[in-house]
Amino acid sequence: MAATGPNAAFKAHFAAYIGLSIVLVVVNLIVSGTVSWAILFVVGWGAPLALHCAYAMNLFGRGSG
């Protein structure tokens, strides 16, 4: 049975972020020899991921009330 809720959604989001980040950094290193454009992806997706983490940890005070 698959888990549901904010924590399960965050875990899936985080796994996709890590997997795709690794792939894109490797592709970037192969193509250009440096991590140039891949850092934009990592930061650009990392910021919303941090917000998703805060939501999953209930730092916005949602839920009871």
N, C-alpha and C. Protein backbone atom coordinates (compact mmCIF):
# COMPACT_ATOMS: atom_id res chain seq x y z
N MET A 1 0.84 -1.18 0.00
CA MET A 1 0.00 0.00 0.00
C MET A 1 0.89 1.24 0.00
N ALA A 2 0.63 2.15 -0.89
CA ALA A 2 1.44 3.35 -1.02
C ALA A 2 1.05 4.37 0.05
N ALA A 3 2.06 5.03 0.59
CA ALA A 3 1.81 6.07 1.59
C ALA A 3 1.26 7.31 0.90
N THR A 4 0.43 8.06 1.63
CA THR A 4 -0.13 9.28 1.09
C THR A 4 0.15 10.42 2.06
N GLY A 5 -0.12 11.63 1.60
CA GLY A 5 0.03 12.79 2.46
C GLY A 5 1.24 13.62 2.09
N PRO A 6 1.46 14.68 2.87
CA PRO A 6 2.54 15.62 2.55
C PRO A 6 3.93 14.99 2.61
N ASN A 7 4.16 14.09 3.58
CA ASN A 7 5.49 13.49 3.69
C ASN A 7 5.80 12.56 2.52
N ALA A 8 4.81 11.79 2.10
CA ALA A 8 5.01 10.90 0.97
C ALA A 8 5.23 11.69 -0.32
N ALA A 9 4.47 12.76 -0.47
CA ALA A 9 4.64 13.60 -1.66
C ALA A 9 6.00 14.26 -1.66
N PHE A 10 6.46 14.70 -0.49
CA PHE A 10 7.78 15.31 -0.41
C PHE A 10 8.88 14.30 -0.74
N LYS A 11 8.75 13.09 -0.23
CA LYS A 11 9.76 12.06 -0.51
C LYS A 11 9.86 11.78 -2.00
N ALA A 12 8.72 11.73 -2.69
CA ALA A 12 8.73 11.52 -4.13
C ALA A 12 9.36 12.71 -4.84
N HIS A 13 9.02 13.92 -4.42
CA HIS A 13 9.57 15.15 -5.00
C HIS A 13 11.08 15.19 -4.79
N PHE A 14 11.54 14.84 -3.58
CA PHE A 14 12.96 14.86 -3.26
C PHE A 14 13.73 13.81 -4.08
N ALA A 15 13.15 12.62 -4.22
CA ALA A 15 13.80 11.56 -4.99
C ALA A 15 13.93 11.97 -6.46
N ALA A 16 12.89 12.58 -7.00
CA ALA A 16 12.96 13.05 -8.39
C ALA A 16 14.01 14.14 -8.54
N TYR A 17 14.08 15.04 -7.58
CA TYR A 17 15.06 16.13 -7.60
C TYR A 17 16.49 15.59 -7.58
N ILE A 18 16.76 14.67 -6.67
CA ILE A 18 18.12 14.11 -6.56
C ILE A 18 18.48 13.35 -7.83
N GLY A 19 17.58 12.51 -8.29
CA GLY A 19 17.86 11.71 -9.49
C GLY A 19 18.12 12.57 -10.71
N LEU A 20 17.26 13.52 -10.96
CA LEU A 20 17.42 14.37 -12.13
C LEU A 20 18.62 15.30 -11.99
N SER A 21 18.90 15.75 -10.78
CA SER A 21 20.07 16.60 -10.57
C SER A 21 21.35 15.85 -10.91
N ILE A 22 21.45 14.61 -10.47
CA ILE A 22 22.64 13.81 -10.76
C ILE A 22 22.79 13.62 -12.26
N VAL A 23 21.70 13.26 -12.93
CA VAL A 23 21.76 13.05 -14.38
C VAL A 23 22.18 14.32 -15.11
N LEU A 24 21.58 15.45 -14.75
CA LEU A 24 21.90 16.69 -15.45
C LEU A 24 23.31 17.19 -15.17
N VAL A 25 23.80 16.99 -13.95
CA VAL A 25 25.18 17.39 -13.66
C VAL A 25 26.16 16.53 -14.44
N VAL A 26 25.90 15.24 -14.53
CA VAL A 26 26.77 14.35 -15.31
C VAL A 26 26.74 14.73 -16.78
N VAL A 27 25.54 14.97 -17.33
CA VAL A 27 25.43 15.38 -18.74
C VAL A 27 26.17 16.70 -18.96
N ASN A 28 26.01 17.64 -18.03
CA ASN A 28 26.68 18.93 -18.15
C ASN A 28 28.19 18.76 -18.12
N LEU A 29 28.70 17.88 -17.25
CA LEU A 29 30.14 17.64 -17.18
C LEU A 29 30.66 16.99 -18.46
N ILE A 30 29.90 16.08 -19.02
CA ILE A 30 30.32 15.42 -20.26
C ILE A 30 30.33 16.39 -21.43
N VAL A 31 29.30 17.22 -21.52
CA VAL A 31 29.16 18.13 -22.65
C VAL A 31 30.13 19.29 -22.58
N SER A 32 30.22 19.94 -21.42
CA SER A 32 31.02 21.16 -21.36
C SER A 32 32.27 21.05 -20.49
N GLY A 33 32.40 20.03 -19.69
CA GLY A 33 33.58 19.87 -18.86
C GLY A 33 33.50 20.61 -17.53
N THR A 34 32.49 21.46 -17.36
CA THR A 34 32.28 22.17 -16.10
C THR A 34 30.79 22.14 -15.76
N VAL A 35 30.50 22.42 -14.52
CA VAL A 35 29.09 22.51 -14.11
C VAL A 35 28.68 23.96 -14.31
N SER A 36 28.12 24.26 -15.45
CA SER A 36 27.74 25.64 -15.74
C SER A 36 26.22 25.81 -15.64
N TRP A 37 25.48 25.25 -16.56
CA TRP A 37 24.03 25.44 -16.55
C TRP A 37 23.32 24.52 -15.58
N ALA A 38 23.93 23.43 -15.17
CA ALA A 38 23.27 22.49 -14.26
C ALA A 38 23.02 23.12 -12.89
N ILE A 39 23.88 24.04 -12.49
CA ILE A 39 23.69 24.69 -11.19
C ILE A 39 22.40 25.51 -11.18
N LEU A 40 22.01 26.05 -12.32
CA LEU A 40 20.76 26.81 -12.41
C LEU A 40 19.57 25.91 -12.13
N PHE A 41 19.62 24.71 -12.66
CA PHE A 41 18.56 23.73 -12.40
C PHE A 41 18.52 23.35 -10.93
N VAL A 42 19.67 23.07 -10.36
CA VAL A 42 19.74 22.62 -8.97
C VAL A 42 19.19 23.69 -8.03
N VAL A 43 19.58 24.93 -8.24
CA VAL A 43 19.10 26.02 -7.39
C VAL A 43 17.64 26.34 -7.71
N GLY A 44 17.31 26.37 -9.00
CA GLY A 44 15.95 26.72 -9.41
C GLY A 44 14.90 25.75 -8.92
N TRP A 45 15.22 24.47 -8.84
CA TRP A 45 14.27 23.50 -8.33
C TRP A 45 14.44 23.32 -6.82
N GLY A 46 15.63 23.61 -6.32
CA GLY A 46 15.90 23.44 -4.89
C GLY A 46 15.11 24.40 -4.02
N ALA A 47 14.90 25.62 -4.49
CA ALA A 47 14.16 26.61 -3.70
C ALA A 47 12.70 26.18 -3.47
N PRO A 48 11.96 25.81 -4.52
CA PRO A 48 10.61 25.31 -4.27
C PRO A 48 10.59 24.00 -3.47
N LEU A 49 11.63 23.20 -3.63
CA LEU A 49 11.73 21.96 -2.85
C LEU A 49 11.87 22.28 -1.36
N ALA A 50 12.61 23.33 -1.03
CA ALA A 50 12.74 23.74 0.37
C ALA A 50 11.39 24.17 0.93
N LEU A 51 10.59 24.87 0.13
CA LEU A 51 9.25 25.25 0.57
C LEU A 51 8.36 24.02 0.77
N HIS A 52 8.50 23.05 -0.13
CA HIS A 52 7.74 21.80 0.00
C HIS A 52 8.15 21.07 1.28
N CYS A 53 9.43 21.09 1.60
CA CYS A 53 9.92 20.47 2.82
C CYS A 53 9.31 21.16 4.04
N ALA A 54 9.29 22.48 4.04
CA ALA A 54 8.70 23.23 5.16
C ALA A 54 7.22 22.91 5.31
N TYR A 55 6.52 22.78 4.19
CA TYR A 55 5.09 22.41 4.22
C TYR A 55 4.91 21.01 4.80
N ALA A 56 5.75 20.07 4.36
CA ALA A 56 5.65 18.69 4.84
C ALA A 56 5.98 18.59 6.33
N MET A 57 6.83 19.47 6.83
CA MET A 57 7.20 19.48 8.24
C MET A 57 6.22 20.30 9.09
N ASN A 58 5.18 20.84 8.43
CA ASN A 58 4.15 21.62 9.09
C ASN A 58 4.69 22.91 9.71
N LEU A 59 5.65 23.54 9.06
CA LEU A 59 6.22 24.77 9.57
C LEU A 59 5.33 25.99 9.28
N PHE A 60 4.31 25.82 8.45
CA PHE A 60 3.41 26.92 8.14
C PHE A 60 2.18 26.93 9.04
N GLY A 61 2.11 26.00 9.99
CA GLY A 61 1.03 25.98 10.95
C GLY A 61 -0.31 25.51 10.42
N ARG A 62 -0.30 24.72 9.39
CA ARG A 62 -1.58 24.21 8.85
C ARG A 62 -2.04 23.04 9.68
N GLY A 63 -3.23 22.62 9.47
CA GLY A 63 -3.71 21.40 10.13
C GLY A 63 -4.75 21.69 11.19
N SER A 64 -4.38 21.55 12.44
CA SER A 64 -5.37 21.68 13.52
C SER A 64 -5.81 23.13 13.69
N GLY A 65 -7.10 23.36 13.59
CA GLY A 65 -7.61 24.69 13.84
C GLY A 65 -8.35 25.29 12.76
